[in-house]
Each structure stands twice: as C-alpha cells, then as structure tokens.
Amino acid sequence: IGCAGGYVVIAPKGQESVSQIRLKAGESMELTARIGGFTSQTYPDVFTLQSASSVEGIQVQLLDTQTKAGGTFPFKVIVGPNVSPNIYTVTIGAHTKKDNNTVSATGSLEVSVRPN
C-alpha cells in the first residue's frame, strides 16, 4: 500500500531554510523545522518526531517530541569537542498514522564541521 510522503523544512532560528550549516567542534546551533506536505485538516493527529546523526559526536536535541501537520518545532545541533572537520548529515523525521497506514516526513541537514 503506497502512502503519501511529506518533507521537513529546516532553518536556523528566525532565518530562511538551509540544507547546510557550518560549525566548529564544540559549537552548537538552534534551528527550527516544519513539517510540510500535509495539512492539519487531512492529518489532524500529532506527528511523533525523531532525529538521527551520521556520527556519534554530533547530537540532535529535539526540544519537542510531537507536533501537528504544518507545525514548527525547535531543535539544536551540538557538535562534540572531538569531532574531526568533515561534512556530516543529521536527519529530522516525523510520522503519524492515518487509516492504519503510517505516513512520514523527513528532512536532512549537512553539518560542515570546520577546523578550530
């Protein structure tokens, strides 16, 4: 059974959406994300949020665990002090059920870790 999919738009707090941020080891950044591709009229239930990082030294701290379709939620990317300069990927996702089917939205963000 196929399900419609959504997307997650990511932006530094108060700014336009981005696909990459630049941080040094030991730094962090507050961002916001918004679930797109769904309306609260069609998907009235809450979406459960989750995050993942491609490397152990970069954490994604979700400040909320749920949101509604179209809702904006804050999160923080924290680069550990021992992370080597490189480009890493973090992912923000959300899912809900409708008519016994799971629908989801995902977005990814590249984290360019610069030398100190």
C-alpha atoms as a PDB file:
ATOM      1  CA  ILE A   1       0.000   0.000   0.000  1.00  0.00           C
ATOM      2  CA  GLY A   2       1.513   3.318  -1.007  1.00  0.00           C
ATOM      3  CA  CYS A   3       1.300   6.356   1.225  1.00  0.00           C
ATOM      4  CA  ALA A   4       1.785   9.995   0.504  1.00  0.00           C
ATOM      5  CA  GLY A   5       5.011  11.389   1.895  1.00  0.00           C
ATOM      6  CA  GLY A   6       5.915  14.740   3.321  1.00  0.00           C
ATOM      7  CA  TYR A   7       9.046  16.694   3.970  1.00  0.00           C
ATOM      8  CA  VAL A   8      10.714  18.624   6.767  1.00  0.00           C
ATOM      9  CA  VAL A   9      11.999  22.145   6.137  1.00  0.00           C
ATOM     10  CA  ILE A  10      14.955  23.137   8.346  1.00  0.00           C
ATOM     11  CA  ALA A  11      16.135  26.673   9.125  1.00  0.00           C
ATOM     12  CA  PRO A  12      18.391  28.433  11.611  1.00  0.00           C
ATOM     13  CA  LYS A  13      16.162  30.133  14.173  1.00  0.00           C
ATOM     14  CA  GLY A  14      14.491  33.166  12.550  1.00  0.00           C
ATOM     15  CA  GLN A  15      16.095  32.650   9.119  1.00  0.00           C
ATOM     16  CA  GLU A  16      15.352  31.119   5.717  1.00  0.00           C
ATOM     17  CA  SER A  17      15.580  27.367   5.136  1.00  0.00           C
ATOM     18  CA  VAL A  18      19.006  25.821   4.583  1.00  0.00           C
ATOM     19  CA  SER A  19      20.482  22.479   3.568  1.00  0.00           C
ATOM     20  CA  GLN A  20      23.833  23.002   5.324  1.00  0.00           C
ATOM     21  CA  ILE A  21      25.174  24.710   8.431  1.00  0.00           C
ATOM     22  CA  ARG A  22      28.798  25.373   9.435  1.00  0.00           C
ATOM     23  CA  LEU A  23      30.031  24.827  12.962  1.00  0.00           C
ATOM     24  CA  LYS A  24      33.349  24.264  14.706  1.00  0.00           C
ATOM     25  CA  ALA A  25      33.940  21.379  17.104  1.00  0.00           C
ATOM     26  CA  GLY A  26      32.380  22.293  20.444  1.00  0.00           C
ATOM     27  CA  GLU A  27      29.791  24.662  18.928  1.00  0.00           C
ATOM     28  CA  SER A  28      26.022  24.338  18.685  1.00  0.00           C
ATOM     29  CA  MET A  29      23.173  25.996  16.782  1.00  0.00           C
ATOM     30  CA  GLU A  30      19.467  26.399  17.463  1.00  0.00           C
ATOM     31  CA  LEU A  31      17.247  25.643  14.488  1.00  0.00           C
ATOM     32  CA  THR A  32      13.595  25.178  13.670  1.00  0.00           C
ATOM     33  CA  ALA A  33      11.881  22.615  11.492  1.00  0.00           C
ATOM     34  CA  ARG A  34       8.445  22.489   9.909  1.00  0.00           C
ATOM     35  CA  ILE A  35       6.508  19.512   8.575  1.00  0.00           C
ATOM     36  CA  GLY A  36       5.331  20.120   5.020  1.00  0.00           C
ATOM     37  CA  GLY A  37       3.261  18.142   2.558  1.00  0.00           C
ATOM     38  CA  PHE A  38       0.418  17.526   4.996  1.00  0.00           C
ATOM     39  CA  THR A  39      -2.430  19.699   6.268  1.00  0.00           C
ATOM     40  CA  SER A  40      -3.874  19.611   9.763  1.00  0.00           C
ATOM     41  CA  GLN A  41      -7.326  19.151   8.225  1.00  0.00           C
ATOM     42  CA  THR A  42      -6.289  15.958   6.426  1.00  0.00           C
ATOM     43  CA  TYR A  43      -3.904  14.767   9.163  1.00  0.00           C
ATOM     44  CA  PRO A  44      -5.327  16.058  12.473  1.00  0.00           C
ATOM     45  CA  ASP A  45      -3.372  13.672  14.728  1.00  0.00           C
ATOM     46  CA  VAL A  46       0.031  14.552  16.138  1.00  0.00           C
ATOM     47  CA  PHE A  47       3.240  13.596  14.381  1.00  0.00           C
ATOM     48  CA  THR A  48       5.899  11.916  16.524  1.00  0.00           C
ATOM     49  CA  LEU A  49       9.343  13.438  15.994  1.00  0.00           C
ATOM     50  CA  GLN A  50      12.689  11.679  15.781  1.00  0.00           C
ATOM     51  CA  SER A  51      16.252  12.560  14.849  1.00  0.00           C
ATOM     52  CA  ALA A  52      19.441  10.805  13.793  1.00  0.00           C
ATOM     53  CA  SER A  53      23.056  11.713  13.175  1.00  0.00           C
ATOM     54  CA  SER A  54      25.589  10.078  10.860  1.00  0.00           C
ATOM     55  CA  VAL A  55      28.310  10.337  13.525  1.00  0.00           C
ATOM     56  CA  GLU A  56      28.299   9.760  17.266  1.00  0.00           C
ATOM     57  CA  GLY A  57      29.934  13.120  18.077  1.00  0.00           C
ATOM     58  CA  ILE A  58      27.091  15.210  16.645  1.00  0.00           C
ATOM     59  CA  GLN A  59      23.864  15.276  18.634  1.00  0.00           C
ATOM     60  CA  VAL A  60      20.437  16.458  17.581  1.00  0.00           C
ATOM     61  CA  GLN A  61      18.428  17.616  20.568  1.00  0.00           C
ATOM     62  CA  LEU A  62      14.710  17.735  19.843  1.00  0.00           C
ATOM     63  CA  LEU A  63      13.017  20.168  22.238  1.00  0.00           C
ATOM     64  CA  ASP A  64       9.571  18.697  21.471  1.00  0.00           C
ATOM     65  CA  THR A  65       8.536  15.090  20.894  1.00  0.00           C
ATOM     66  CA  GLN A  66       5.368  15.777  18.898  1.00  0.00           C
ATOM     67  CA  THR A  67       3.850  18.417  16.650  1.00  0.00           C
ATOM     68  CA  LYS A  68       0.879  18.869  14.305  1.00  0.00           C
ATOM     69  CA  ALA A  69       0.997  18.924  10.497  1.00  0.00           C
ATOM     70  CA  GLY A  70       2.376  22.281   9.397  1.00  0.00           C
ATOM     71  CA  GLY A  71       3.708  22.891  12.887  1.00  0.00           C
ATOM     72  CA  THR A  72       7.115  24.362  13.574  1.00  0.00           C
ATOM     73  CA  PHE A  73       9.325  22.869  16.264  1.00  0.00           C
ATOM     74  CA  PRO A  74      12.728  23.820  17.687  1.00  0.00           C
ATOM     75  CA  PHE A  75      15.826  21.647  17.846  1.00  0.00           C
ATOM     76  CA  LYS A  76      19.527  22.046  18.467  1.00  0.00           C
ATOM     77  CA  VAL A  77      22.575  20.603  16.705  1.00  0.00           C
ATOM     78  CA  ILE A  78      25.528  20.085  19.045  1.00  0.00           C
ATOM     79  CA  VAL A  79      28.981  19.264  17.679  1.00  0.00           C
ATOM     80  CA  GLY A  80      31.175  17.493  20.228  1.00  0.00           C
ATOM     81  CA  PRO A  81      34.617  18.887  21.034  1.00  0.00           C
ATOM     82  CA  ASN A  82      36.452  15.972  19.390  1.00  0.00           C
ATOM     83  CA  VAL A  83      34.600  15.846  16.057  1.00  0.00           C
ATOM     84  CA  SER A  84      37.022  15.983  13.122  1.00  0.00           C
ATOM     85  CA  PRO A  85      36.493  18.537  10.345  1.00  0.00           C
ATOM     86  CA  ASN A  86      34.279  16.994   7.681  1.00  0.00           C
ATOM     87  CA  ILE A  87      30.704  17.118   6.394  1.00  0.00           C
ATOM     88  CA  TYR A  88      28.185  15.038   8.315  1.00  0.00           C
ATOM     89  CA  THR A  89      24.438  14.509   7.952  1.00  0.00           C
ATOM     90  CA  VAL A  90      21.660  14.795  10.521  1.00  0.00           C
ATOM     91  CA  THR A  91      18.087  13.783   9.810  1.00  0.00           C
ATOM     92  CA  ILE A  92      14.834  15.034  11.292  1.00  0.00           C
ATOM     93  CA  GLY A  93      11.751  12.904  10.817  1.00  0.00           C
ATOM     94  CA  ALA A  94       8.108  12.782  11.818  1.00  0.00           C
ATOM     95  CA  HIS A  95       5.438  10.121  11.475  1.00  0.00           C
ATOM     96  CA  THR A  96       1.774   9.593  12.243  1.00  0.00           C
ATOM     97  CA  LYS A  97      -0.906   7.029  11.455  1.00  0.00           C
ATOM     98  CA  LYS A  98      -3.979   7.543   9.345  1.00  0.00           C
ATOM     99  CA  ASP A  99      -6.393   4.785   8.367  1.00  0.00           C
ATOM    100  CA  ASN A 100      -3.955   2.174   9.757  1.00  0.00           C
ATOM    101  CA  ASN A 101      -1.156   3.426   7.492  1.00  0.00           C
ATOM    102  CA  THR A 102       1.956   5.205   8.694  1.00  0.00           C
ATOM    103  CA  VAL A 103       2.809   8.420   6.888  1.00  0.00           C
ATOM    104  CA  SER A 104       6.105  10.171   7.359  1.00  0.00           C
ATOM    105  CA  ALA A 105       8.077  13.280   6.582  1.00  0.00           C
ATOM    106  CA  THR A 106      11.861  13.602   6.619  1.00  0.00           C
ATOM    107  CA  GLY A 107      14.466  16.255   6.095  1.00  0.00           C
ATOM    108  CA  SER A 108      18.237  16.178   6.219  1.00  0.00           C
ATOM    109  CA  LEU A 109      20.825  18.777   7.057  1.00  0.00           C
ATOM    110  CA  GLU A 110      24.529  18.722   6.298  1.00  0.00           C
ATOM    111  CA  VAL A 111      26.721  19.822   9.180  1.00  0.00           C
ATOM    112  CA  SER A 112      30.057  21.134   7.923  1.00  0.00           C
ATOM    113  CA  VAL A 113      32.469  20.923  10.827  1.00  0.00           C
ATOM    114  CA  ARG A 114      35.261  23.440  10.327  1.00  0.00           C
ATOM    115  CA  PRO A 115      38.720  23.372  11.868  1.00  0.00           C
ATOM    116  CA  ASN A 116      39.095  25.269  15.151  1.00  0.00           C
END
